[in-house]
Amino acid sequence: MAQSSDEDRRAVLKTIVVGGSAAFVAGAAAPASRLVLAPVLAAIHAEERWIRIARLADLEDGESKRLPVNGDVRDGWTQYAREKLGAVWLRRQGDEIRALSVTCPHLGCSVEKRESGFGCPCHASSFDPAGKRVSGPSPRNMDALETRVVGDGSGRAIEVRFQRFRQGIPEREEIE
């Protein structure tokens, strides 16, 4: 009988050690797996990055209006709500809503509204009201962003799929 109880104690102790080791490894692997999966999760969230920026009723026809883009930001383990991500020029032409990044495609200065469209004060690039490059060193047109109108009635809102693009190159290349 003494031998049987020793074997029982060893079996219980073995189960505790194996179970505890498995729990420790799982706990240590969770942050590592999150680190490995971070690029995949970021890509998934980037595609869902529709941000509400204005009420449709607040944007007059033919008017270009600069609006901030605020959204949630995740930095490591912390999530910050309503952080400033950037800004867009929003323009309404009838039922069409157009959003242009305020970041100049040349070197990243902030594009300003002018009488004849838009202009970059840093290196004198100019753009027409639709964001098409007219003159200056900018290698491409202003970067257009996808928009959509959500809701119904007086509660209709404008959302923008916010993105950032690499500067100084002729083709649009998204960065994040």
N, C-alpha and C. Protein backbone atom coordinates (compact mmCIF):
# COMPACT_ATOMS: atom_id res chain seq x y z
N MET A 1 0.80 -1.20 0.00
CA MET A 1 0.00 0.00 0.00
C MET A 1 0.85 1.26 0.00
N ALA A 2 1.95 1.30 0.71
CA ALA A 2 2.82 2.47 0.79
C ALA A 2 3.34 2.84 -0.59
N GLN A 3 3.64 1.82 -1.38
CA GLN A 3 4.16 2.07 -2.73
C GLN A 3 3.09 2.70 -3.62
N SER A 4 1.83 2.28 -3.48
CA SER A 4 0.73 2.82 -4.26
C SER A 4 0.48 4.29 -3.94
N SER A 5 0.54 4.67 -2.67
CA SER A 5 0.32 6.06 -2.31
C SER A 5 1.47 6.94 -2.78
N ASP A 6 2.72 6.41 -2.80
CA ASP A 6 3.85 7.16 -3.36
C ASP A 6 3.65 7.41 -4.85
N GLU A 7 3.16 6.38 -5.55
CA GLU A 7 2.91 6.53 -6.99
C GLU A 7 1.77 7.53 -7.23
N ASP A 8 0.76 7.51 -6.39
CA ASP A 8 -0.35 8.46 -6.52
C ASP A 8 0.12 9.89 -6.31
N ARG A 9 0.96 10.08 -5.25
CA ARG A 9 1.49 11.42 -4.99
C ARG A 9 2.36 11.91 -6.16
N ARG A 10 3.18 11.01 -6.68
CA ARG A 10 4.03 11.38 -7.82
C ARG A 10 3.18 11.74 -9.04
N ALA A 11 2.12 11.00 -9.26
CA ALA A 11 1.23 11.27 -10.40
C ALA A 11 0.56 12.63 -10.23
N VAL A 12 0.10 12.93 -9.02
CA VAL A 12 -0.54 14.22 -8.77
C VAL A 12 0.48 15.34 -8.93
N LEU A 13 1.69 15.15 -8.36
CA LEU A 13 2.74 16.15 -8.48
C LEU A 13 3.14 16.37 -9.94
N LYS A 14 3.22 15.29 -10.67
CA LYS A 14 3.57 15.36 -12.10
C LYS A 14 2.49 16.14 -12.86
N THR A 15 1.23 15.90 -12.56
CA THR A 15 0.12 16.61 -13.20
C THR A 15 0.18 18.10 -12.88
N ILE A 16 0.49 18.44 -11.62
CA ILE A 16 0.59 19.85 -11.22
C ILE A 16 1.74 20.53 -11.95
N VAL A 17 2.90 19.86 -12.01
CA VAL A 17 4.07 20.44 -12.68
C VAL A 17 3.81 20.61 -14.18
N VAL A 18 3.26 19.61 -14.82
CA VAL A 18 2.97 19.69 -16.26
C VAL A 18 1.92 20.77 -16.53
N GLY A 19 0.85 20.80 -15.75
CA GLY A 19 -0.19 21.82 -15.92
C GLY A 19 0.33 23.22 -15.70
N GLY A 20 1.12 23.39 -14.62
CA GLY A 20 1.71 24.70 -14.34
C GLY A 20 2.67 25.15 -15.43
N SER A 21 3.48 24.22 -15.93
CA SER A 21 4.41 24.55 -17.02
C SER A 21 3.65 24.96 -18.28
N ALA A 22 2.59 24.24 -18.59
CA ALA A 22 1.78 24.56 -19.77
C ALA A 22 1.15 25.95 -19.62
N ALA A 23 0.65 26.27 -18.43
CA ALA A 23 0.06 27.59 -18.21
C ALA A 23 1.11 28.69 -18.33
N PHE A 24 2.32 28.44 -17.80
CA PHE A 24 3.41 29.42 -17.90
C PHE A 24 3.80 29.66 -19.36
N VAL A 25 3.96 28.60 -20.12
CA VAL A 25 4.33 28.73 -21.54
C VAL A 25 3.23 29.46 -22.31
N ALA A 26 1.98 29.14 -22.05
CA ALA A 26 0.87 29.82 -22.73
C ALA A 26 0.86 31.31 -22.39
N GLY A 27 1.10 31.63 -21.12
CA GLY A 27 1.14 33.03 -20.70
C GLY A 27 2.30 33.79 -21.35
N ALA A 28 3.43 33.14 -21.50
CA ALA A 28 4.59 33.78 -22.13
C ALA A 28 4.41 33.87 -23.65
N ALA A 29 3.68 32.94 -24.23
CA ALA A 29 3.51 32.93 -25.68
C ALA A 29 2.49 33.96 -26.16
N ALA A 30 1.56 34.37 -25.30
CA ALA A 30 0.52 35.31 -25.73
C ALA A 30 1.11 36.62 -26.23
N PRO A 31 1.99 37.30 -25.49
CA PRO A 31 2.57 38.55 -26.03
C PRO A 31 3.41 38.31 -27.28
N ALA A 32 4.12 37.19 -27.30
CA ALA A 32 4.95 36.89 -28.48
C ALA A 32 4.07 36.67 -29.72
N SER A 33 2.96 35.98 -29.54
CA SER A 33 2.08 35.75 -30.69
C SER A 33 1.44 37.05 -31.16
N ARG A 34 1.13 37.94 -30.22
CA ARG A 34 0.57 39.25 -30.60
C ARG A 34 1.59 40.05 -31.41
N LEU A 35 2.86 39.97 -31.00
CA LEU A 35 3.92 40.66 -31.73
C LEU A 35 4.05 40.11 -33.15
N VAL A 36 3.98 38.80 -33.28
CA VAL A 36 4.10 38.17 -34.59
C VAL A 36 2.88 38.50 -35.46
N LEU A 37 1.70 38.55 -34.87
CA LEU A 37 0.48 38.80 -35.62
C LEU A 37 0.18 40.29 -35.84
N ALA A 38 0.95 41.19 -35.23
CA ALA A 38 0.68 42.63 -35.32
C ALA A 38 0.56 43.14 -36.76
N PRO A 39 1.46 42.77 -37.69
CA PRO A 39 1.30 43.27 -39.06
C PRO A 39 0.00 42.80 -39.73
N VAL A 40 -0.39 41.57 -39.45
CA VAL A 40 -1.63 41.04 -40.03
C VAL A 40 -2.83 41.78 -39.46
N LEU A 41 -2.84 41.97 -38.13
CA LEU A 41 -3.95 42.68 -37.49
C LEU A 41 -4.01 44.13 -37.94
N ALA A 42 -2.86 44.76 -38.13
CA ALA A 42 -2.83 46.15 -38.60
C ALA A 42 -3.41 46.26 -39.99
N ALA A 43 -3.09 45.30 -40.85
CA ALA A 43 -3.63 45.31 -42.22
C ALA A 43 -5.14 45.15 -42.21
N ILE A 44 -5.64 44.31 -41.34
CA ILE A 44 -7.09 44.11 -41.23
C ILE A 44 -7.76 45.40 -40.76
N HIS A 45 -7.20 46.03 -39.73
CA HIS A 45 -7.79 47.26 -39.19
C HIS A 45 -7.65 48.42 -40.17
N ALA A 46 -6.56 48.45 -40.95
CA ALA A 46 -6.36 49.55 -41.90
C ALA A 46 -7.46 49.55 -42.96
N GLU A 47 -7.90 48.36 -43.37
CA GLU A 47 -8.95 48.29 -44.37
C GLU A 47 -10.28 48.77 -43.81
N GLU A 48 -10.46 48.72 -42.52
CA GLU A 48 -11.69 49.14 -41.88
C GLU A 48 -11.61 50.57 -41.36
N ARG A 49 -10.64 51.34 -41.79
CA ARG A 49 -10.37 52.66 -41.22
C ARG A 49 -11.28 53.73 -41.83
N TRP A 50 -12.57 53.54 -41.71
CA TRP A 50 -13.53 54.56 -42.12
C TRP A 50 -13.78 55.45 -40.92
N ILE A 51 -13.54 56.74 -41.10
CA ILE A 51 -13.66 57.67 -39.98
C ILE A 51 -14.68 58.75 -40.31
N ARG A 52 -15.63 58.93 -39.43
CA ARG A 52 -16.67 59.95 -39.60
C ARG A 52 -16.05 61.31 -39.32
N ILE A 53 -16.18 62.25 -40.29
CA ILE A 53 -15.52 63.54 -40.10
C ILE A 53 -16.47 64.74 -40.16
N ALA A 54 -17.66 64.56 -40.71
CA ALA A 54 -18.57 65.71 -40.80
C ALA A 54 -19.99 65.24 -41.05
N ARG A 55 -20.93 66.14 -40.74
CA ARG A 55 -22.32 65.91 -41.14
C ARG A 55 -22.48 66.44 -42.55
N LEU A 56 -23.21 65.75 -43.37
CA LEU A 56 -23.43 66.16 -44.75
C LEU A 56 -24.06 67.54 -44.82
N ALA A 57 -24.95 67.84 -43.91
CA ALA A 57 -25.65 69.13 -43.90
C ALA A 57 -24.71 70.30 -43.62
N ASP A 58 -23.54 70.03 -43.02
CA ASP A 58 -22.58 71.10 -42.69
C ASP A 58 -21.66 71.48 -43.84
N LEU A 59 -21.75 70.76 -44.96
CA LEU A 59 -20.87 71.03 -46.09
C LEU A 59 -21.69 71.61 -47.25
N GLU A 60 -21.40 72.87 -47.57
CA GLU A 60 -22.15 73.54 -48.64
C GLU A 60 -21.63 73.12 -50.01
N ASP A 61 -22.53 73.14 -50.98
CA ASP A 61 -22.18 72.76 -52.35
C ASP A 61 -21.11 73.71 -52.91
N GLY A 62 -20.04 73.13 -53.49
CA GLY A 62 -18.98 73.90 -54.11
C GLY A 62 -17.93 74.42 -53.13
N GLU A 63 -18.11 74.18 -51.86
CA GLU A 63 -17.19 74.68 -50.84
C GLU A 63 -16.11 73.63 -50.53
N SER A 64 -14.86 74.06 -50.43
CA SER A 64 -13.77 73.21 -49.94
C SER A 64 -13.54 73.55 -48.49
N LYS A 65 -13.59 72.55 -47.64
CA LYS A 65 -13.48 72.78 -46.21
C LYS A 65 -12.42 71.84 -45.63
N ARG A 66 -11.49 72.44 -44.87
CA ARG A 66 -10.45 71.64 -44.21
C ARG A 66 -11.01 71.10 -42.90
N LEU A 67 -10.92 69.78 -42.72
CA LEU A 67 -11.44 69.14 -41.52
C LEU A 67 -10.41 68.20 -40.92
N PRO A 68 -10.32 68.18 -39.59
CA PRO A 68 -9.40 67.24 -38.95
C PRO A 68 -9.94 65.82 -39.04
N VAL A 69 -9.03 64.87 -39.04
CA VAL A 69 -9.39 63.45 -39.01
C VAL A 69 -8.90 62.91 -37.68
N ASN A 70 -9.85 62.54 -36.83
CA ASN A 70 -9.53 61.99 -35.51
C ASN A 70 -10.01 60.56 -35.43
N GLY A 71 -9.19 59.70 -34.86
CA GLY A 71 -9.57 58.30 -34.74
C GLY A 71 -8.81 57.62 -33.62
N ASP A 72 -9.17 56.38 -33.38
CA ASP A 72 -8.52 55.60 -32.33
C ASP A 72 -7.15 55.13 -32.82
N VAL A 73 -6.17 55.18 -31.93
CA VAL A 73 -4.81 54.76 -32.25
C VAL A 73 -4.38 53.73 -31.22
N ARG A 74 -3.80 52.65 -31.69
CA ARG A 74 -3.28 51.63 -30.80
C ARG A 74 -1.76 51.69 -30.86
N ASP A 75 -1.15 51.85 -29.69
CA ASP A 75 0.30 51.94 -29.58
C ASP A 75 0.77 50.87 -28.61
N GLY A 76 1.23 49.75 -29.13
CA GLY A 76 1.62 48.65 -28.25
C GLY A 76 0.40 48.08 -27.57
N TRP A 77 0.31 48.25 -26.26
CA TRP A 77 -0.79 47.69 -25.49
C TRP A 77 -1.88 48.70 -25.19
N THR A 78 -1.65 49.97 -25.53
CA THR A 78 -2.57 51.03 -25.15
C THR A 78 -3.35 51.54 -26.36
N GLN A 79 -4.63 51.81 -26.16
CA GLN A 79 -5.44 52.40 -27.21
C GLN A 79 -5.84 53.81 -26.79
N TYR A 80 -5.60 54.77 -27.68
CA TYR A 80 -5.95 56.16 -27.42
C TYR A 80 -7.14 56.53 -28.28
N ALA A 81 -8.16 57.10 -27.67
CA ALA A 81 -9.37 57.46 -28.40
C ALA A 81 -9.27 58.88 -28.94
N ARG A 82 -9.79 59.08 -30.15
CA ARG A 82 -9.93 60.40 -30.77
C ARG A 82 -8.62 61.17 -30.89
N GLU A 83 -7.55 60.50 -31.29
CA GLU A 83 -6.27 61.16 -31.54
C GLU A 83 -6.29 61.77 -32.94
N LYS A 84 -5.59 62.89 -33.11
CA LYS A 84 -5.52 63.52 -34.43
C LYS A 84 -4.62 62.70 -35.35
N LEU A 85 -5.20 62.23 -36.45
CA LEU A 85 -4.47 61.43 -37.42
C LEU A 85 -3.97 62.27 -38.58
N GLY A 86 -4.64 63.36 -38.86
CA GLY A 86 -4.30 64.21 -39.99
C GLY A 86 -5.47 65.12 -40.30
N ALA A 87 -5.55 65.52 -41.57
CA ALA A 87 -6.65 66.39 -42.00
C ALA A 87 -6.91 66.14 -43.49
N VAL A 88 -8.09 66.55 -43.92
CA VAL A 88 -8.47 66.42 -45.32
C VAL A 88 -9.15 67.69 -45.80
N TRP A 89 -9.08 67.93 -47.10
CA TRP A 89 -9.90 68.94 -47.74
C TRP A 89 -11.12 68.20 -48.27
N LEU A 90 -12.29 68.61 -47.84
CA LEU A 90 -13.54 67.99 -48.24
C LEU A 90 -14.29 68.94 -49.15
N ARG A 91 -14.78 68.42 -50.28
CA ARG A 91 -15.50 69.27 -51.23
C ARG A 91 -16.75 68.52 -51.69
N ARG A 92 -17.86 69.27 -51.69
CA ARG A 92 -19.14 68.71 -52.14
C ARG A 92 -19.51 69.35 -53.46
N GLN A 93 -19.79 68.52 -54.46
CA GLN A 93 -20.30 68.96 -55.76
C GLN A 93 -21.58 68.18 -56.01
N GLY A 94 -22.71 68.76 -55.67
CA GLY A 94 -23.98 68.06 -55.80
C GLY A 94 -24.02 66.88 -54.85
N ASP A 95 -24.19 65.68 -55.40
CA ASP A 95 -24.23 64.46 -54.58
C ASP A 95 -22.84 63.86 -54.38
N GLU A 96 -21.84 64.37 -55.09
CA GLU A 96 -20.49 63.82 -55.00
C GLU A 96 -19.70 64.51 -53.88
N ILE A 97 -19.05 63.68 -53.06
CA ILE A 97 -18.18 64.17 -52.00
C ILE A 97 -16.77 63.73 -52.33
N ARG A 98 -15.85 64.68 -52.33
CA ARG A 98 -14.45 64.38 -52.65
C ARG A 98 -13.57 64.79 -51.48
N ALA A 99 -12.65 63.91 -51.10
CA ALA A 99 -11.71 64.20 -50.02
C ALA A 99 -10.29 64.13 -50.57
N LEU A 100 -9.50 65.14 -50.23
CA LEU A 100 -8.09 65.19 -50.63
C LEU A 100 -7.25 65.33 -49.37
N SER A 101 -6.15 64.61 -49.33
CA SER A 101 -5.22 64.74 -48.21
C SER A 101 -4.63 66.14 -48.22
N VAL A 102 -4.45 66.74 -47.04
CA VAL A 102 -3.84 68.07 -46.97
C VAL A 102 -2.32 67.98 -47.06
N THR A 103 -1.76 66.78 -47.06
CA THR A 103 -0.32 66.59 -47.12
C THR A 103 0.16 66.66 -48.56
N CYS A 104 1.07 67.58 -48.84
CA CYS A 104 1.61 67.73 -50.20
C CYS A 104 2.40 66.49 -50.59
N PRO A 105 2.19 65.96 -51.79
CA PRO A 105 2.91 64.77 -52.22
C PRO A 105 4.41 65.01 -52.46
N HIS A 106 4.83 66.27 -52.46
CA HIS A 106 6.24 66.57 -52.70
C HIS A 106 7.08 66.21 -51.47
N LEU A 107 6.93 66.99 -50.40
CA LEU A 107 7.73 66.75 -49.19
C LEU A 107 6.91 66.76 -47.90
N GLY A 108 5.58 66.76 -48.01
CA GLY A 108 4.75 66.62 -46.82
C GLY A 108 4.29 67.89 -46.15
N CYS A 109 4.51 69.04 -46.76
CA CYS A 109 3.99 70.29 -46.17
C CYS A 109 2.47 70.28 -46.24
N SER A 110 1.84 71.16 -45.51
CA SER A 110 0.39 71.23 -45.47
C SER A 110 -0.12 72.12 -46.61
N VAL A 111 -0.96 71.57 -47.46
CA VAL A 111 -1.52 72.28 -48.61
C VAL A 111 -2.62 73.22 -48.14
N GLU A 112 -2.60 74.45 -48.65
CA GLU A 112 -3.57 75.47 -48.27
C GLU A 112 -4.55 75.72 -49.40
N LYS A 113 -5.72 76.26 -49.03
CA LYS A 113 -6.73 76.62 -50.03
C LYS A 113 -6.34 77.98 -50.62
N ARG A 114 -6.49 78.08 -51.94
CA ARG A 114 -6.25 79.34 -52.64
C ARG A 114 -7.46 79.64 -53.51
N GLU A 115 -7.49 80.84 -54.06
CA GLU A 115 -8.61 81.25 -54.90
C GLU A 115 -8.79 80.31 -56.10
N SER A 116 -7.68 79.87 -56.68
CA SER A 116 -7.75 79.04 -57.88
C SER A 116 -7.63 77.55 -57.60
N GLY A 117 -7.71 77.14 -56.35
CA GLY A 117 -7.58 75.73 -56.01
C GLY A 117 -6.82 75.55 -54.71
N PHE A 118 -5.65 74.90 -54.79
CA PHE A 118 -4.84 74.63 -53.62
C PHE A 118 -3.37 74.94 -53.94
N GLY A 119 -2.61 75.20 -52.90
CA GLY A 119 -1.18 75.47 -53.09
C GLY A 119 -0.38 75.04 -51.88
N CYS A 120 0.86 74.65 -52.16
CA CYS A 120 1.78 74.28 -51.10
C CYS A 120 2.71 75.46 -50.85
N PRO A 121 2.73 76.00 -49.65
CA PRO A 121 3.55 77.18 -49.37
C PRO A 121 5.05 76.89 -49.29
N CYS A 122 5.42 75.64 -49.15
CA CYS A 122 6.84 75.31 -48.98
C CYS A 122 7.65 75.40 -50.27
N HIS A 123 7.12 74.85 -51.36
CA HIS A 123 7.89 74.81 -52.60
C HIS A 123 7.06 75.21 -53.82
N ALA A 124 5.96 75.92 -53.58
CA ALA A 124 5.14 76.55 -54.63
C ALA A 124 4.46 75.58 -55.59
N SER A 125 4.16 74.36 -55.16
CA SER A 125 3.33 73.49 -56.00
C SER A 125 1.91 74.03 -55.96
N SER A 126 1.22 73.98 -57.09
CA SER A 126 -0.18 74.41 -57.09
C SER A 126 -1.04 73.32 -57.74
N PHE A 127 -2.30 73.28 -57.30
CA PHE A 127 -3.24 72.25 -57.70
C PHE A 127 -4.58 72.91 -58.01
N ASP A 128 -5.32 72.35 -58.96
CA ASP A 128 -6.64 72.90 -59.27
C ASP A 128 -7.63 72.47 -58.18
N PRO A 129 -8.90 72.95 -58.24
CA PRO A 129 -9.87 72.61 -57.19
C PRO A 129 -10.13 71.10 -57.03
N ALA A 130 -9.85 70.32 -58.07
CA ALA A 130 -10.03 68.87 -57.98
C ALA A 130 -8.78 68.16 -57.46
N GLY A 131 -7.71 68.92 -57.20
CA GLY A 131 -6.48 68.34 -56.67
C GLY A 131 -5.45 67.96 -57.72
N LYS A 132 -5.74 68.28 -58.99
CA LYS A 132 -4.81 67.94 -60.06
C LYS A 132 -3.63 68.92 -60.06
N ARG A 133 -2.42 68.38 -60.19
CA ARG A 133 -1.21 69.19 -60.18
C ARG A 133 -1.20 70.13 -61.37
N VAL A 134 -0.97 71.43 -61.11
CA VAL A 134 -0.91 72.46 -62.15
C VAL A 134 0.54 72.87 -62.40
N SER A 135 1.29 73.09 -61.30
CA SER A 135 2.69 73.49 -61.44
C SER A 135 3.45 73.19 -60.16
N GLY A 136 4.78 73.32 -60.25
CA GLY A 136 5.63 73.12 -59.08
C GLY A 136 6.27 71.76 -59.05
N PRO A 137 7.04 71.50 -58.00
CA PRO A 137 7.82 70.25 -57.93
C PRO A 137 7.05 69.01 -57.48
N SER A 138 5.78 69.14 -57.10
CA SER A 138 5.04 67.96 -56.65
C SER A 138 5.06 66.90 -57.75
N PRO A 139 5.42 65.65 -57.42
CA PRO A 139 5.53 64.61 -58.43
C PRO A 139 4.19 64.03 -58.90
N ARG A 140 3.09 64.40 -58.22
CA ARG A 140 1.78 63.86 -58.61
C ARG A 140 0.68 64.79 -58.09
N ASN A 141 -0.55 64.45 -58.44
CA ASN A 141 -1.72 65.17 -57.95
C ASN A 141 -1.84 65.01 -56.44
N MET A 142 -2.70 65.82 -55.83
CA MET A 142 -3.00 65.63 -54.41
C MET A 142 -3.62 64.24 -54.24
N ASP A 143 -3.39 63.64 -53.11
CA ASP A 143 -3.87 62.28 -52.87
C ASP A 143 -5.34 62.28 -52.49
N ALA A 144 -6.16 61.66 -53.35
CA ALA A 144 -7.59 61.54 -53.10
C ALA A 144 -7.85 60.38 -52.15
N LEU A 145 -8.85 60.52 -51.31
CA LEU A 145 -9.24 59.49 -50.36
C LEU A 145 -10.68 59.07 -50.63
N GLU A 146 -10.98 57.81 -50.37
CA GLU A 146 -12.35 57.31 -50.57
C GLU A 146 -13.28 57.96 -49.55
N THR A 147 -14.50 58.26 -49.99
CA THR A 147 -15.52 58.81 -49.10
C THR A 147 -16.80 58.00 -49.24
N ARG A 148 -17.64 58.11 -48.25
CA ARG A 148 -18.98 57.53 -48.32
C ARG A 148 -19.90 58.32 -47.40
N VAL A 149 -21.18 58.30 -47.74
CA VAL A 149 -22.20 58.96 -46.92
C VAL A 149 -22.99 57.86 -46.23
N VAL A 150 -23.12 57.97 -44.92
CA VAL A 150 -23.83 56.96 -44.13
C VAL A 150 -25.00 57.62 -43.41
N GLY A 151 -25.97 56.81 -43.06
CA GLY A 151 -27.14 57.32 -42.34
C GLY A 151 -28.23 57.75 -43.31
N ASP A 152 -29.32 58.28 -42.75
CA ASP A 152 -30.42 58.74 -43.59
C ASP A 152 -31.03 60.00 -43.00
N GLY A 153 -31.81 60.68 -43.79
CA GLY A 153 -32.47 61.90 -43.34
C GLY A 153 -31.47 62.98 -42.96
N SER A 154 -31.76 63.70 -41.90
CA SER A 154 -30.88 64.79 -41.47
C SER A 154 -29.65 64.27 -40.74
N GLY A 155 -29.62 62.97 -40.41
CA GLY A 155 -28.49 62.39 -39.70
C GLY A 155 -27.40 61.84 -40.62
N ARG A 156 -27.42 62.23 -41.88
CA ARG A 156 -26.42 61.71 -42.83
C ARG A 156 -25.04 62.29 -42.50
N ALA A 157 -24.03 61.43 -42.55
CA ALA A 157 -22.67 61.84 -42.20
C ALA A 157 -21.70 61.40 -43.29
N ILE A 158 -20.58 62.10 -43.35
CA ILE A 158 -19.53 61.79 -44.33
C ILE A 158 -18.42 61.04 -43.60
N GLU A 159 -18.02 59.91 -44.18
CA GLU A 159 -16.90 59.15 -43.66
C GLU A 159 -15.80 59.10 -44.71
N VAL A 160 -14.56 59.09 -44.24
CA VAL A 160 -13.40 59.02 -45.12
C VAL A 160 -12.59 57.79 -44.75
N ARG A 161 -12.11 57.07 -45.75
CA ARG A 161 -11.17 55.97 -45.50
C ARG A 161 -9.79 56.60 -45.47
N PHE A 162 -9.32 56.90 -44.25
CA PHE A 162 -8.09 57.67 -44.09
C PHE A 162 -6.86 56.82 -44.36
N GLN A 163 -5.93 57.38 -45.16
CA GLN A 163 -4.68 56.73 -45.49
C GLN A 163 -3.58 57.78 -45.56
N ARG A 164 -2.35 57.32 -45.44
CA ARG A 164 -1.18 58.18 -45.65
C ARG A 164 -0.40 57.61 -46.82
N PHE A 165 0.26 58.51 -47.56
CA PHE A 165 0.99 58.08 -48.74
C PHE A 165 2.44 58.59 -48.68
N ARG A 166 3.32 57.82 -49.30
CA ARG A 166 4.73 58.18 -49.36
C ARG A 166 4.89 59.44 -50.20
N GLN A 167 5.78 60.32 -49.77
CA GLN A 167 5.99 61.59 -50.47
C GLN A 167 7.23 61.50 -51.37
N GLY A 168 7.26 62.39 -52.36
CA GLY A 168 8.43 62.53 -53.21
C GLY A 168 8.55 61.53 -54.34
N ILE A 169 7.53 60.69 -54.55
CA ILE A 169 7.57 59.71 -55.64
C ILE A 169 6.35 59.90 -56.53
N PRO A 170 6.48 59.59 -57.82
CA PRO A 170 5.38 59.85 -58.76
C PRO A 170 4.13 58.99 -58.56
N GLU A 171 4.26 57.78 -58.02
CA GLU A 171 3.09 56.92 -57.85
C GLU A 171 2.64 56.95 -56.39
N ARG A 172 1.36 56.73 -56.20
CA ARG A 172 0.81 56.69 -54.84
C ARG A 172 1.19 55.38 -54.18
N GLU A 173 1.84 55.46 -53.04
CA GLU A 173 2.21 54.27 -52.28
C GLU A 173 1.79 54.49 -50.83
N GLU A 174 0.86 53.67 -50.37
CA GLU A 174 0.33 53.84 -49.02
C GLU A 174 1.38 53.44 -47.99
N ILE A 175 1.42 54.20 -46.89
CA ILE A 175 2.28 53.87 -45.76
C ILE A 175 1.41 53.82 -44.52
N GLU A 176 1.87 53.16 -43.49
CA GLU A 176 1.15 53.13 -42.22
C GLU A 176 2.07 52.94 -41.08
